Amino acid sequence: MPIVNRVADLHKDITEWRRDLHAHPELLYDVQRTAGTVAEKLKAFGCDEVVAGIGRTGVVGVIKGRKGKSDKVIGMRADMDALPIEEATGLPYKSTVPGKMHACGHDGHTAMLLGAARYLAETRNFAGTAVVIFQPAEEGGAGGKAMVDDGMMDRFKIGEVYGMHNFPGMPVGEFSIRSGPIMAAADYVQIDIEGKGGHAARPHFGVDTVLVGAQIINNLQSVVSRNVDPLESAVVSICVFHAGTADNVLPQTAQLRGTARSLTPEVQDLLEKRIPEIVPIPHGNDDGLES
């Protein structure tokens, strides 16, 4: 894929921006440094308007084209938040913040959109208006919804929004697109198990939460394999299993955490119905998943 010369010229700057963001990861809505950096650069690029604090810590930049007249407004979106993961890469620009890391590529997304904003603000070789959207709290915080709920779409009269996600393993210079949904809705699953602790040598006197948790994990796999239409897609993954502190004690409690992902509202509703049926929810809690 040919790259516009001016964009290619920005490669060094974009790389530096990305590495700076990577070294200073922030979580969810607590992205003050990142949002401040973004707003500062958008102003320096000459955006017609820069607004911070949308959806708590989101940033929007407005760039008006000068090629003809058009009322069309296109949004381009990137996410800014990182993940609560300890980085162990050894890179010279690795995270400087203990327990936080840009492990999902949002540093790259933000840097790429900053590069696009700089190019568009310089050239303005388009009709209509480009709105660059920098969203907080993509990793489970519904930051996009927060920005929409804050009136972003109506305020800037945005007609459509485009986003992209890095894809490790895809050859450099290639893009992948498809019709229909491509990025799944992600719901959060947490299951707390209360059993009866005891000595490992006398399991018959206890209620083994590790065994219960293992059975739950196995049974949850039937939600997709035996409930979801084979022509549809869904994922139920338990990624955290916390239980016990000693190798000779049956733990009193255990906790499972994971994710349920779907591409249509109908499948999402099915997951939300079936998971609590497999893992009965205590009286008074009527919601098995958290978006």
Protein backbone atom coordinates (compact mmCIF):
# COMPACT_ATOMS: atom_id res chain seq x y z
CA MET A 1 0.00 0.00 0.00
CA PRO A 2 1.56 3.34 -1.05
CA ILE A 3 2.12 5.83 1.75
CA VAL A 4 1.73 9.57 1.22
CA ASN A 5 5.17 11.16 1.39
CA ARG A 6 4.21 13.67 4.09
CA VAL A 7 2.81 10.89 6.25
CA ALA A 8 6.00 8.92 5.78
CA ASP A 9 7.94 11.99 6.88
CA LEU A 10 6.00 11.96 10.16
CA HIS A 11 7.09 8.41 10.99
CA LYS A 12 9.89 9.46 13.34
CA ASP A 13 7.64 11.83 15.29
CA ILE A 14 4.79 9.32 15.52
CA THR A 15 7.21 6.69 16.78
CA GLU A 16 8.48 9.05 19.49
CA TRP A 17 4.90 9.89 20.56
CA ARG A 18 4.00 6.23 20.79
CA ARG A 19 7.05 5.35 22.85
CA ASP A 20 6.43 8.22 25.24
CA LEU A 21 2.82 7.06 25.71
CA HIS A 22 4.01 3.49 26.16
CA ALA A 23 6.39 4.52 28.92
CA HIS A 24 3.63 6.35 30.81
CA PRO A 25 0.53 4.12 30.80
CA GLU A 26 -2.66 5.15 32.58
CA LEU A 27 -5.83 3.21 33.36
CA LEU A 28 -9.49 3.72 32.51
CA TYR A 29 -10.58 7.34 33.08
CA ASP A 30 -7.40 8.23 34.96
CA VAL A 31 -5.58 9.32 31.79
CA GLN A 32 -4.82 12.91 32.69
CA ARG A 33 -1.23 12.85 31.40
CA THR A 34 -2.19 11.13 28.15
CA ALA A 35 -5.20 13.38 27.56
CA GLY A 36 -3.11 16.43 28.36
CA THR A 37 -0.44 15.37 25.89
CA VAL A 38 -3.06 14.76 23.20
CA ALA A 39 -4.78 18.12 23.75
CA GLU A 40 -1.46 19.96 23.72
CA LYS A 41 -0.42 18.38 20.41
CA LEU A 42 -3.80 18.97 18.76
CA LYS A 43 -3.55 22.66 19.63
CA ALA A 44 0.02 22.78 18.29
CA PHE A 45 -1.13 21.13 15.04
CA GLY A 46 -3.58 24.00 14.52
CA CYS A 47 -6.90 22.22 15.01
CA ASP A 48 -9.82 24.63 14.73
CA GLU A 49 -11.15 23.50 18.10
CA VAL A 50 -9.81 21.30 20.89
CA VAL A 51 -12.13 20.24 23.68
CA ALA A 52 -11.00 18.22 26.71
CA GLY A 53 -13.06 16.65 29.48
CA ILE A 54 -15.70 15.01 27.30
CA GLY A 55 -16.85 11.80 28.96
CA ARG A 56 -14.73 12.82 31.96
CA THR A 57 -11.27 12.67 30.33
CA GLY A 58 -11.89 12.30 26.59
CA VAL A 59 -10.41 14.76 24.08
CA VAL A 60 -11.87 15.93 20.75
CA GLY A 61 -10.17 17.90 17.99
CA VAL A 62 -12.00 19.56 15.08
CA ILE A 63 -10.34 20.08 11.69
CA LYS A 64 -12.22 21.85 8.90
CA GLY A 65 -11.38 21.00 5.30
CA ARG A 66 -10.79 23.61 2.59
CA LYS A 67 -11.53 21.60 -0.54
CA GLY A 68 -15.02 22.61 -1.57
CA LYS A 69 -18.06 22.87 0.67
CA SER A 70 -19.66 20.02 2.56
CA ASP A 71 -21.68 19.64 5.74
CA LYS A 72 -20.38 16.10 6.22
CA VAL A 73 -18.66 15.44 9.55
CA ILE A 74 -16.52 12.31 9.93
CA GLY A 75 -15.21 11.11 13.28
CA MET A 76 -11.98 9.13 13.74
CA ARG A 77 -11.50 7.47 17.10
CA ALA A 78 -8.62 6.06 19.17
CA ASP A 79 -8.48 4.75 22.74
CA MET A 80 -5.96 6.01 25.28
CA ASP A 81 -6.03 3.71 28.34
CA ALA A 82 -3.66 0.87 29.24
CA LEU A 83 -4.02 -2.37 31.21
CA PRO A 84 -3.17 -3.37 34.81
CA ILE A 85 -0.27 -5.60 33.74
CA GLU A 86 3.37 -5.59 34.82
CA GLU A 87 5.58 -5.11 31.77
CA ALA A 88 8.46 -7.56 31.40
CA THR A 89 9.71 -6.74 27.90
CA GLY A 90 12.99 -5.04 28.72
CA LEU A 91 12.39 -2.47 25.98
CA PRO A 92 14.21 0.85 26.37
CA TYR A 93 10.81 2.61 26.41
CA LYS A 94 9.07 0.06 28.66
CA SER A 95 6.50 1.17 31.21
CA THR A 96 7.81 3.35 34.00
CA VAL A 97 4.66 2.79 36.06
CA PRO A 98 4.60 -0.40 38.17
CA GLY A 99 1.65 -2.66 37.42
CA LYS A 100 0.53 -0.77 34.31
CA MET A 101 1.33 -1.44 30.66
CA HIS A 102 0.11 -0.62 27.17
CA ALA A 103 -0.36 -4.29 26.31
CA CYS A 104 -3.27 -3.83 23.90
CA GLY A 105 -1.76 -1.21 21.60
CA HIS A 106 -3.72 1.86 22.61
CA ASP A 107 -0.47 3.80 22.68
CA GLY A 108 -0.15 2.97 18.99
CA HIS A 109 -3.77 3.87 18.27
CA THR A 110 -3.38 7.26 19.94
CA ALA A 111 -0.09 7.96 18.16
CA MET A 112 -1.55 7.00 14.77
CA LEU A 113 -4.55 9.27 15.21
CA LEU A 114 -2.29 12.11 16.31
CA GLY A 115 -0.34 11.57 13.10
CA ALA A 116 -3.54 11.68 11.06
CA ALA A 117 -4.64 14.84 12.87
CA ARG A 118 -1.34 16.56 12.15
CA TYR A 119 -1.50 15.63 8.46
CA LEU A 120 -5.13 16.72 8.07
CA ALA A 121 -4.55 19.99 9.93
CA GLU A 122 -1.56 20.77 7.71
CA THR A 123 -3.10 19.91 4.36
CA ARG A 124 -6.88 20.35 4.82
CA ASN A 125 -7.24 18.80 1.38
CA PHE A 126 -10.78 17.57 1.97
CA ALA A 127 -14.34 18.83 2.08
CA GLY A 128 -16.34 18.83 5.29
CA THR A 129 -15.05 18.39 8.81
CA ALA A 130 -12.83 15.77 10.44
CA VAL A 131 -13.28 15.19 14.15
CA VAL A 132 -10.55 13.25 15.96
CA ILE A 133 -11.80 11.48 19.08
CA PHE A 134 -9.51 10.27 21.86
CA GLN A 135 -11.44 8.02 24.22
CA PRO A 136 -10.61 6.99 27.80
CA ALA A 137 -11.69 3.79 29.52
CA GLU A 138 -11.95 1.36 26.63
CA GLU A 139 -10.72 -1.48 28.81
CA GLY A 140 -13.97 -2.17 30.61
CA GLY A 141 -14.96 1.38 31.55
CA ALA A 142 -17.43 2.22 28.74
CA GLY A 143 -15.54 5.40 27.90
CA GLY A 144 -17.04 5.57 24.43
CA LYS A 145 -20.55 5.54 25.88
CA ALA A 146 -19.54 8.19 28.39
CA MET A 147 -18.43 10.50 25.57
CA VAL A 148 -21.64 9.89 23.62
CA ASP A 149 -23.74 10.42 26.76
CA ASP A 150 -21.87 13.69 27.26
CA GLY A 151 -23.35 14.91 23.98
CA MET A 152 -20.31 14.50 21.73
CA MET A 153 -22.14 13.25 18.64
CA ASP A 154 -24.72 16.06 18.64
CA ARG A 155 -22.31 18.75 19.77
CA PHE A 156 -19.98 18.19 16.82
CA LYS A 157 -22.72 16.92 14.44
CA ILE A 158 -20.76 13.74 13.75
CA GLY A 159 -22.44 11.61 11.08
CA GLU A 160 -20.21 8.51 11.23
CA VAL A 161 -17.18 7.29 13.16
CA TYR A 162 -14.25 5.16 12.04
CA GLY A 163 -11.74 3.34 14.19
CA MET A 164 -9.01 0.77 13.76
CA HIS A 165 -7.16 -1.73 15.90
CA ASN A 166 -3.64 -3.07 15.60
CA PHE A 167 -3.38 -6.69 14.52
CA PRO A 168 -0.07 -8.37 15.50
CA GLY A 169 1.00 -10.80 12.82
CA MET A 170 -0.56 -8.97 9.90
CA PRO A 171 2.05 -7.96 7.29
CA VAL A 172 3.17 -4.34 7.47
CA GLY A 173 1.21 -2.13 5.10
CA GLU A 174 -1.91 -4.31 5.02
CA PHE A 175 -5.36 -3.58 6.43
CA SER A 176 -8.21 -5.97 7.12
CA ILE A 177 -11.88 -5.04 6.87
CA ARG A 178 -15.18 -6.92 6.73
CA SER A 179 -18.87 -6.18 6.46
CA GLY A 180 -20.84 -6.45 9.69
CA PRO A 181 -19.39 -6.45 13.21
CA ILE A 182 -15.70 -7.15 13.64
CA MET A 183 -15.00 -6.18 17.26
CA ALA A 184 -17.05 -7.96 19.90
CA ALA A 185 -19.01 -6.56 22.81
CA ALA A 186 -17.17 -7.52 25.99
CA ASP A 187 -18.99 -8.35 29.22
CA TYR A 188 -17.21 -8.91 32.52
CA VAL A 189 -17.82 -12.14 34.44
CA GLN A 190 -17.07 -12.53 38.16
CA ILE A 191 -18.07 -15.59 40.16
CA ASP A 192 -17.48 -15.72 43.93
CA ILE A 193 -17.67 -19.19 45.47
CA GLU A 194 -18.23 -19.79 49.17
CA GLY A 195 -17.49 -23.32 50.38
CA LYS A 196 -16.24 -24.87 53.57
CA GLY A 197 -12.55 -24.92 54.26
CA GLY A 198 -10.78 -27.88 55.70
CA HIS A 199 -7.69 -30.06 55.71
CA ALA A 200 -6.62 -31.47 52.37
CA ALA A 201 -6.36 -34.94 53.91
CA ARG A 202 -10.02 -34.81 55.01
CA PRO A 203 -11.88 -33.38 52.01
CA HIS A 204 -15.11 -35.17 52.97
CA PHE A 205 -15.54 -32.73 55.86
CA GLY A 206 -15.30 -29.66 53.61
CA VAL A 207 -16.81 -28.17 50.49
CA ASP A 208 -13.97 -27.87 48.01
CA THR A 209 -14.20 -24.53 46.22
CA VAL A 210 -11.39 -25.49 43.83
CA LEU A 211 -13.36 -28.49 42.60
CA VAL A 212 -16.53 -26.41 42.36
CA GLY A 213 -14.67 -23.72 40.39
CA ALA A 214 -13.18 -26.28 38.02
CA GLN A 215 -16.62 -27.76 37.35
CA ILE A 216 -18.05 -24.31 36.71
CA ILE A 217 -15.30 -23.53 34.20
CA ASN A 218 -15.92 -26.76 32.32
CA ASN A 219 -19.68 -26.29 32.29
CA LEU A 220 -19.46 -22.70 31.08
CA GLN A 221 -17.89 -23.96 27.85
CA SER A 222 -21.21 -25.60 26.97
CA VAL A 223 -22.80 -22.15 26.74
CA VAL A 224 -21.12 -21.54 23.39
CA SER A 225 -20.80 -25.12 22.14
CA ARG A 226 -24.39 -26.13 22.90
CA ASN A 227 -26.42 -22.93 23.05
CA VAL A 228 -25.10 -20.50 20.47
CA ASP A 229 -26.08 -21.02 16.83
CA PRO A 230 -23.02 -22.46 15.04
CA LEU A 231 -23.36 -19.73 12.42
CA GLU A 232 -22.99 -17.08 15.13
CA SER A 233 -19.96 -16.30 17.28
CA ALA A 234 -19.37 -16.05 21.01
CA VAL A 235 -16.61 -16.59 23.54
CA VAL A 236 -16.77 -17.34 27.25
CA SER A 237 -13.30 -17.32 28.78
CA ILE A 238 -12.44 -17.62 32.47
CA CYS A 239 -9.01 -16.05 32.80
CA VAL A 240 -8.52 -15.73 36.56
CA PHE A 241 -8.94 -18.43 39.22
CA HIS A 242 -8.01 -17.30 42.74
CA ALA A 243 -8.23 -19.80 45.59
CA GLY A 244 -6.16 -20.84 48.56
CA THR A 245 -2.76 -19.99 50.00
CA ALA A 246 -1.44 -23.37 51.15
CA ASP A 247 -0.95 -26.76 49.49
CA ASN A 248 -2.60 -28.73 52.28
CA VAL A 249 -5.71 -26.65 53.01
CA LEU A 250 -9.01 -26.64 51.16
CA PRO A 251 -9.79 -22.94 50.62
CA GLN A 252 -13.00 -21.53 52.04
CA THR A 253 -13.51 -19.19 49.08
CA ALA A 254 -12.61 -18.95 45.42
CA GLN A 255 -13.10 -16.35 42.74
CA LEU A 256 -13.35 -16.75 38.97
CA ARG A 257 -13.07 -13.79 36.60
CA GLY A 258 -13.28 -13.64 32.86
CA THR A 259 -15.03 -12.30 29.80
CA ALA A 260 -18.04 -13.11 27.62
CA ARG A 261 -17.86 -11.73 24.09
CA SER A 262 -20.49 -11.47 21.40
CA LEU A 263 -21.08 -9.83 18.04
CA THR A 264 -24.86 -9.34 18.16
CA PRO A 265 -27.30 -8.17 20.84
CA GLU A 266 -29.20 -11.46 20.54
CA VAL A 267 -26.15 -13.58 21.35
CA GLN A 268 -25.18 -11.18 24.14
CA ASP A 269 -28.64 -11.64 25.68
CA LEU A 270 -28.26 -15.42 25.40
CA LEU A 271 -24.93 -15.35 27.26
CA GLU A 272 -26.40 -13.10 29.91
CA LYS A 273 -29.23 -15.59 30.39
CA ARG A 274 -27.31 -18.87 30.30
CA ILE A 275 -24.29 -18.03 32.47
CA PRO A 276 -26.39 -17.30 35.57
CA GLU A 277 -28.39 -20.48 34.90
CA ILE A 278 -25.20 -22.52 35.12
CA VAL A 279 -23.96 -20.50 38.09
CA PRO A 280 -27.05 -19.57 40.15
CA ILE A 281 -26.93 -16.03 41.47
CA PRO A 282 -27.76 -15.42 45.15
CA HIS A 283 -31.14 -13.87 45.81
CA GLY A 284 -31.13 -10.11 45.36
CA ASN A 285 -28.60 -10.00 42.51
CA ASP A 286 -30.31 -10.26 39.15
CA ASP A 287 -27.40 -9.46 36.84
CA GLY A 288 -24.81 -12.09 35.96
CA LEU A 289 -22.71 -9.98 33.63
CA GLU A 290 -21.29 -6.51 33.73
CA SER A 291 -20.61 -4.71 30.46
